[in-house]
Amino acid sequence: MWLVSDDKTNLAEVVAALSLSADQVSIVEYALIGLDIVLEKGFEVAENLGQTPFTAANHWHRDLVKLSVGKVFELCELVRQAQKERCRDREALNYMAQALGSGAVDISKISGKLQQSLTKKGVLHNPPAVAR
């Protein structure tokens, strides 16, 4: 789970973090559920630093903890009812480029396949050598 501000000013960072954790540039689909709703439903939210290559965005990551089977079903229903949005692959690529330009991306954590793709697209320059 990722925290997105009400005005969505950090959405680009969250999408970049998710995208830089993938193996390819692709569409990012997500559901927006208010944190107030999650808390009202009795879910326990724990701060847990994300493990994505975009280190500057990892503080937006959260975990839902102590999930029972009933809570998982309840979460599924919240997702089903939630506002769903989509970030096109071109937009995700732009967000990744911004993140890479910020200097806050650990390139060594990006998959080799995605590094190659980002290099071909001119977004990643001088990727680290990969041991074979």
Foldseek 3Di string as FASTA:
>chain_A
DFDADPVRPCVLVVLLQVQQQDLAQFKDKDFDDDPVVCVVVPWDKAQDFDDGQQNVRRRRDIDGPPADPVNVVVVVVRRVPTDMDMDGSVSSLVSNLVSVVVVRGNLVSGDPNHQVVCVVVVSDDPRDDDDD
